[in-house]
């Protein structure tokens, strides 16, 4: 019985905390990619290596949750952009096509600074929040189903042990010593 209660408690915790974590995933993913790409971009911007910036831009798009990336200099001039990247004006002012709008694209921007802390550019990526949430929700549901199966098995094992151990309980029989 205790095992069943513990398993059900784990299941409830996974469902409740899972939804919270799903909502935070897009922000964490964006922050991690922005930190990594801004460090690389800083080096390449200072060395005026546009080809290497293009390589960084294309490598970020290998994640299925990132739809576009643009690297700007400190004046806002585009240094590198993915092939499907929209201009800032188009991204924020014009309506998106239906396929893209259904995936809830969210842009994230970070500063690119050199070793002295001077601003030398910006990096903007767009994360497909809905796609990330769908995959994460599928994962949480899979874990939830597994946990419920464990709860069911724990209940069955407990029940079977109770029935199986009944003959050995103190109330079922009395052991009498026979005199020798």
C-alpha atoms as a PDB file:
ATOM      1  CA  UNK A   1       0.000   0.000   0.000  1.00  0.00           C
ATOM      2  CA  UNK A   2       2.836   2.356   0.884  1.00  0.00           C
ATOM      3  CA  UNK A   3       4.551   1.580  -2.407  1.00  0.00           C
ATOM      4  CA  UNK A   4       1.354   2.400  -4.263  1.00  0.00           C
ATOM      5  CA  UNK A   5       0.991   5.733  -2.465  1.00  0.00           C
ATOM      6  CA  UNK A   6       4.637   6.641  -3.122  1.00  0.00           C
ATOM      7  CA  UNK A   7       4.292   5.766  -6.808  1.00  0.00           C
ATOM      8  CA  UNK A   8       1.099   7.823  -7.173  1.00  0.00           C
ATOM      9  CA  UNK A   9       2.832  10.729  -5.431  1.00  0.00           C
ATOM     10  CA  UNK A  10       5.703  10.509  -7.931  1.00  0.00           C
ATOM     11  CA  UNK A  11       3.196  10.473 -10.790  1.00  0.00           C
ATOM     12  CA  UNK A  12       1.428  13.603  -9.500  1.00  0.00           C
ATOM     13  CA  UNK A  13       4.758  15.344  -9.023  1.00  0.00           C
ATOM     14  CA  UNK A  14       5.868  14.497 -12.573  1.00  0.00           C
ATOM     15  CA  UNK A  15       2.642  15.873 -14.047  1.00  0.00           C
ATOM     16  CA  UNK A  16       2.704  19.086 -12.041  1.00  0.00           C
ATOM     17  CA  UNK A  17       6.422  19.837 -12.305  1.00  0.00           C
ATOM     18  CA  UNK A  18       6.626  18.575 -15.885  1.00  0.00           C
ATOM     19  CA  UNK A  19       4.331  21.296 -17.183  1.00  0.00           C
ATOM     20  CA  UNK A  20       6.373  23.952 -15.385  1.00  0.00           C
ATOM     21  CA  UNK A  21       9.605  22.621 -16.851  1.00  0.00           C
ATOM     22  CA  UNK A  22       8.123  22.506 -20.334  1.00  0.00           C
ATOM     23  CA  UNK A  23       7.364  26.215 -20.178  1.00  0.00           C
ATOM     24  CA  UNK A  24      10.930  26.988 -19.092  1.00  0.00           C
ATOM     25  CA  UNK A  25      12.588  24.848 -21.792  1.00  0.00           C
ATOM     26  CA  UNK A  26      12.369  27.411 -24.580  1.00  0.00           C
ATOM     27  CA  UNK A  27      14.002  30.097 -22.453  1.00  0.00           C
ATOM     28  CA  UNK A  28      16.800  27.785 -21.295  1.00  0.00           C
ATOM     29  CA  UNK A  29      17.451  26.528 -24.824  1.00  0.00           C
ATOM     30  CA  UNK A  30      17.582  30.066 -26.176  1.00  0.00           C
ATOM     31  CA  UNK A  31      19.872  31.277 -23.392  1.00  0.00           C
ATOM     32  CA  UNK A  32      22.310  28.406 -23.890  1.00  0.00           C
ATOM     33  CA  UNK A  33      22.487  28.826 -27.641  1.00  0.00           C
ATOM     34  CA  UNK A  34      22.815  32.597 -27.343  1.00  0.00           C
ATOM     35  CA  UNK A  35      25.682  32.325 -24.856  1.00  0.00           C
ATOM     36  CA  UNK A  36      27.556  29.821 -27.010  1.00  0.00           C
ATOM     37  CA  UNK A  37      27.008  31.643 -30.282  1.00  0.00           C
ATOM     38  CA  UNK A  38      27.772  35.100 -28.841  1.00  0.00           C
ATOM     39  CA  UNK A  39      31.183  33.920 -27.614  1.00  0.00           C
ATOM     40  CA  UNK A  40      32.010  32.506 -31.039  1.00  0.00           C
ATOM     41  CA  UNK A  41      30.573  35.545 -32.798  1.00  0.00           C
ATOM     42  CA  UNK A  42      32.684  37.916 -30.674  1.00  0.00           C
ATOM     43  CA  UNK A  43      35.891  36.335 -31.889  1.00  0.00           C
ATOM     44  CA  UNK A  44      34.775  36.282 -35.523  1.00  0.00           C
ATOM     45  CA  UNK A  45      33.404  39.839 -35.488  1.00  0.00           C
ATOM     46  CA  UNK A  46      36.670  41.195 -34.095  1.00  0.00           C
ATOM     47  CA  UNK A  47      38.616  39.323 -36.792  1.00  0.00           C
ATOM     48  CA  UNK A  48      36.090  40.328 -39.476  1.00  0.00           C
ATOM     49  CA  UNK A  49      35.660  36.654 -40.412  1.00  0.00           C
ATOM     50  CA  UNK A  50      32.250  36.634 -42.088  1.00  0.00           C
ATOM     51  CA  UNK A  51      32.697  33.099 -43.436  1.00  0.00           C
ATOM     52  CA  UNK A  52      33.172  31.741 -39.902  1.00  0.00           C
ATOM     53  CA  UNK A  53      30.104  33.718 -38.741  1.00  0.00           C
ATOM     54  CA  UNK A  54      28.102  32.056 -41.522  1.00  0.00           C
ATOM     55  CA  UNK A  55      29.327  28.664 -40.317  1.00  0.00           C
ATOM     56  CA  UNK A  56      28.242  29.450 -36.742  1.00  0.00           C
ATOM     57  CA  UNK A  57      24.867  30.630 -38.020  1.00  0.00           C
ATOM     58  CA  UNK A  58      24.256  27.466 -40.010  1.00  0.00           C
ATOM     59  CA  UNK A  59      25.425  25.195 -37.177  1.00  0.00           C
ATOM     60  CA  UNK A  60      22.888  26.744 -34.773  1.00  0.00           C
ATOM     61  CA  UNK A  61      20.098  25.843 -37.201  1.00  0.00           C
ATOM     62  CA  UNK A  62      20.848  22.130 -36.784  1.00  0.00           C
ATOM     63  CA  UNK A  63      18.562  22.233 -33.759  1.00  0.00           C
ATOM     64  CA  UNK A  64      15.017  21.556 -34.950  1.00  0.00           C
ATOM     65  CA  UNK A  65      13.738  24.132 -32.465  1.00  0.00           C
ATOM     66  CA  UNK A  66      15.707  27.065 -33.904  1.00  0.00           C
ATOM     67  CA  UNK A  67      14.194  28.501 -37.059  1.00  0.00           C
ATOM     68  CA  UNK A  68      16.563  31.384 -37.775  1.00  0.00           C
ATOM     69  CA  UNK A  69      19.646  33.247 -36.602  1.00  0.00           C
ATOM     70  CA  UNK A  70      21.002  36.680 -37.448  1.00  0.00           C
ATOM     71  CA  UNK A  71      24.279  38.289 -36.320  1.00  0.00           C
ATOM     72  CA  UNK A  72      24.469  42.091 -36.312  1.00  0.00           C
ATOM     73  CA  UNK A  73      27.369  44.454 -35.685  1.00  0.00           C
ATOM     74  CA  UNK A  74      27.114  47.139 -33.006  1.00  0.00           C
ATOM     75  CA  UNK A  75      25.347  49.521 -35.443  1.00  0.00           C
ATOM     76  CA  UNK A  76      22.681  46.954 -36.384  1.00  0.00           C
ATOM     77  CA  UNK A  77      24.142  46.032 -39.779  1.00  0.00           C
ATOM     78  CA  UNK A  78      23.593  42.378 -40.636  1.00  0.00           C
ATOM     79  CA  UNK A  79      26.876  40.471 -40.726  1.00  0.00           C
ATOM     80  CA  UNK A  80      25.468  36.959 -41.050  1.00  0.00           C
ATOM     81  CA  UNK A  81      21.997  35.506 -41.395  1.00  0.00           C
ATOM     82  CA  UNK A  82      20.465  32.136 -42.020  1.00  0.00           C
ATOM     83  CA  UNK A  83      18.846  31.630 -45.403  1.00  0.00           C
ATOM     84  CA  UNK A  84      15.332  31.697 -43.969  1.00  0.00           C
ATOM     85  CA  UNK A  85      15.891  34.650 -41.625  1.00  0.00           C
ATOM     86  CA  UNK A  86      13.447  37.514 -41.843  1.00  0.00           C
ATOM     87  CA  UNK A  87      14.491  41.091 -41.344  1.00  0.00           C
ATOM     88  CA  UNK A  88      13.724  42.556 -37.937  1.00  0.00           C
ATOM     89  CA  UNK A  89      10.970  44.666 -39.466  1.00  0.00           C
ATOM     90  CA  UNK A  90       9.345  41.630 -41.110  1.00  0.00           C
ATOM     91  CA  UNK A  91       9.715  39.504 -37.986  1.00  0.00           C
ATOM     92  CA  UNK A  92       7.964  41.945 -35.677  1.00  0.00           C
ATOM     93  CA  UNK A  93       5.644  44.058 -37.842  1.00  0.00           C
ATOM     94  CA  UNK A  94       4.265  41.784 -40.554  1.00  0.00           C
ATOM     95  CA  UNK A  95       1.946  38.826 -39.962  1.00  0.00           C
ATOM     96  CA  UNK A  96       3.619  35.409 -40.154  1.00  0.00           C
ATOM     97  CA  UNK A  97       2.526  32.643 -42.477  1.00  0.00           C
ATOM     98  CA  UNK A  98       0.167  30.109 -40.889  1.00  0.00           C
ATOM     99  CA  UNK A  99       2.693  27.275 -40.618  1.00  0.00           C
ATOM    100  CA  UNK A 100       5.209  29.443 -38.781  1.00  0.00           C
ATOM    101  CA  UNK A 101       2.608  31.202 -36.640  1.00  0.00           C
ATOM    102  CA  UNK A 102       1.266  27.836 -35.389  1.00  0.00           C
ATOM    103  CA  UNK A 103       4.688  27.017 -33.944  1.00  0.00           C
ATOM    104  CA  UNK A 104       4.774  30.168 -31.770  1.00  0.00           C
ATOM    105  CA  UNK A 105       8.141  31.565 -32.855  1.00  0.00           C
ATOM    106  CA  UNK A 106       9.800  33.648 -30.146  1.00  0.00           C
ATOM    107  CA  UNK A 107      12.834  35.779 -30.893  1.00  0.00           C
ATOM    108  CA  UNK A 108      15.662  36.074 -28.359  1.00  0.00           C
ATOM    109  CA  UNK A 109      18.501  38.583 -28.566  1.00  0.00           C
ATOM    110  CA  UNK A 110      21.792  38.923 -26.726  1.00  0.00           C
ATOM    111  CA  UNK A 111      24.714  41.310 -26.815  1.00  0.00           C
ATOM    112  CA  UNK A 112      28.063  40.320 -28.239  1.00  0.00           C
ATOM    113  CA  UNK A 113      30.918  41.878 -26.302  1.00  0.00           C
ATOM    114  CA  UNK A 114      34.678  41.676 -26.647  1.00  0.00           C
ATOM    115  CA  UNK A 115      37.123  40.843 -23.862  1.00  0.00           C
ATOM    116  CA  UNK A 116      37.037  44.454 -22.647  1.00  0.00           C
ATOM    117  CA  UNK A 117      33.265  44.323 -22.292  1.00  0.00           C
ATOM    118  CA  UNK A 118      32.641  46.664 -25.237  1.00  0.00           C
ATOM    119  CA  UNK A 119      29.551  46.059 -27.343  1.00  0.00           C
ATOM    120  CA  UNK A 120      30.544  44.782 -30.780  1.00  0.00           C
ATOM    121  CA  UNK A 121      27.302  43.216 -31.974  1.00  0.00           C
ATOM    122  CA  UNK A 122      24.101  41.312 -31.346  1.00  0.00           C
ATOM    123  CA  UNK A 123      22.832  37.792 -31.988  1.00  0.00           C
ATOM    124  CA  UNK A 124      19.156  37.077 -32.593  1.00  0.00           C
ATOM    125  CA  UNK A 125      17.656  33.601 -32.778  1.00  0.00           C
ATOM    126  CA  UNK A 126      14.050  32.523 -33.129  1.00  0.00           C
ATOM    127  CA  UNK A 127      12.928  29.500 -31.106  1.00  0.00           C
ATOM    128  CA  UNK A 128       9.921  27.437 -32.155  1.00  0.00           C
ATOM    129  CA  UNK A 129       8.318  27.279 -28.716  1.00  0.00           C
ATOM    130  CA  UNK A 130       5.331  25.139 -29.691  1.00  0.00           C
ATOM    131  CA  UNK A 131       7.506  22.422 -31.285  1.00  0.00           C
ATOM    132  CA  UNK A 132       9.693  22.311 -28.202  1.00  0.00           C
ATOM    133  CA  UNK A 133       6.661  22.159 -25.926  1.00  0.00           C
ATOM    134  CA  UNK A 134       5.058  19.374 -27.967  1.00  0.00           C
ATOM    135  CA  UNK A 135       8.145  17.181 -27.734  1.00  0.00           C
ATOM    136  CA  UNK A 136       8.550  17.894 -24.032  1.00  0.00           C
ATOM    137  CA  UNK A 137       4.867  17.180 -23.360  1.00  0.00           C
ATOM    138  CA  UNK A 138       5.167  13.865 -25.174  1.00  0.00           C
ATOM    139  CA  UNK A 139       8.149  13.002 -22.966  1.00  0.00           C
ATOM    140  CA  UNK A 140       6.271  13.931 -19.769  1.00  0.00           C
ATOM    141  CA  UNK A 141       3.241  11.865 -20.832  1.00  0.00           C
ATOM    142  CA  UNK A 142       5.492   8.875 -21.522  1.00  0.00           C
ATOM    143  CA  UNK A 143       7.033   9.156 -18.059  1.00  0.00           C
ATOM    144  CA  UNK A 144       3.570   9.573 -16.526  1.00  0.00           C
ATOM    145  CA  UNK A 145       2.280   6.429 -18.211  1.00  0.00           C
ATOM    146  CA  UNK A 146       5.313   4.482 -17.051  1.00  0.00           C
ATOM    147  CA  UNK A 147       4.840   5.725 -13.492  1.00  0.00           C
ATOM    148  CA  UNK A 148       1.145   4.761 -13.516  1.00  0.00           C
ATOM    149  CA  UNK A 149       2.092   1.316 -14.777  1.00  0.00           C
ATOM    150  CA  UNK A 150       4.558   1.043 -11.890  1.00  0.00           C
ATOM    151  CA  UNK A 151       1.795   2.072  -9.468  1.00  0.00           C
ATOM    152  CA  UNK A 152      -0.521  -0.576 -10.877  1.00  0.00           C
ATOM    153  CA  UNK A 153       2.167  -3.237 -10.613  1.00  0.00           C
ATOM    154  CA  UNK A 154       3.010  -2.132  -7.059  1.00  0.00           C
ATOM    155  CA  UNK A 155      -0.659  -2.443  -6.090  1.00  0.00           C
ATOM    156  CA  UNK A 156      -0.952  -5.877  -7.685  1.00  0.00           C
ATOM    157  CA  UNK A 157       2.230  -7.136  -6.036  1.00  0.00           C
ATOM    158  CA  UNK A 158       1.057  -5.817  -2.676  1.00  0.00           C
ATOM    159  CA  UNK A 159      -2.301  -7.492  -3.081  1.00  0.00           C
ATOM    160  CA  UNK A 160      -0.764 -10.797  -4.151  1.00  0.00           C
ATOM    161  CA  UNK A 161       1.705 -10.712  -1.279  1.00  0.00           C
ATOM    162  CA  UNK A 162      -1.142 -10.059   1.153  1.00  0.00           C
ATOM    163  CA  UNK A 163      -3.102 -13.048  -0.138  1.00  0.00           C
ATOM    164  CA  UNK A 164      -0.023 -15.250  -0.352  1.00  0.00           C
ATOM    165  CA  UNK A 165       1.158 -14.484   3.172  1.00  0.00           C
ATOM    166  CA  UNK A 166      -2.271 -14.905   4.780  1.00  0.00           C
ATOM    167  CA  UNK A 167      -1.687 -18.560   5.738  1.00  0.00           C
ATOM    168  CA  UNK A 168       1.392 -17.523   7.699  1.00  0.00           C
ATOM    169  CA  UNK A 169      -0.285 -14.859   9.765  1.00  0.00           C
ATOM    170  CA  UNK A 170      -0.708 -15.315  13.530  1.00  0.00           C
ATOM    171  CA  UNK A 171      -4.475 -15.512  13.187  1.00  0.00           C
ATOM    172  CA  UNK A 172      -4.529 -18.367  10.695  1.00  0.00           C
ATOM    173  CA  UNK A 173      -3.111 -21.122  12.781  1.00  0.00           C
ATOM    174  CA  UNK A 174      -1.489 -21.826  16.062  1.00  0.00           C
ATOM    175  CA  UNK A 175       1.680 -23.832  16.253  1.00  0.00           C
ATOM    176  CA  UNK A 176       1.568 -26.274  19.134  1.00  0.00           C
ATOM    177  CA  UNK A 177       4.549 -27.898  20.591  1.00  0.00           C
ATOM    178  CA  UNK A 178       4.155 -31.622  20.921  1.00  0.00           C
ATOM    179  CA  UNK A 179       5.565 -33.182  24.064  1.00  0.00           C
ATOM    180  CA  UNK A 180       8.373 -35.614  23.510  1.00  0.00           C
END
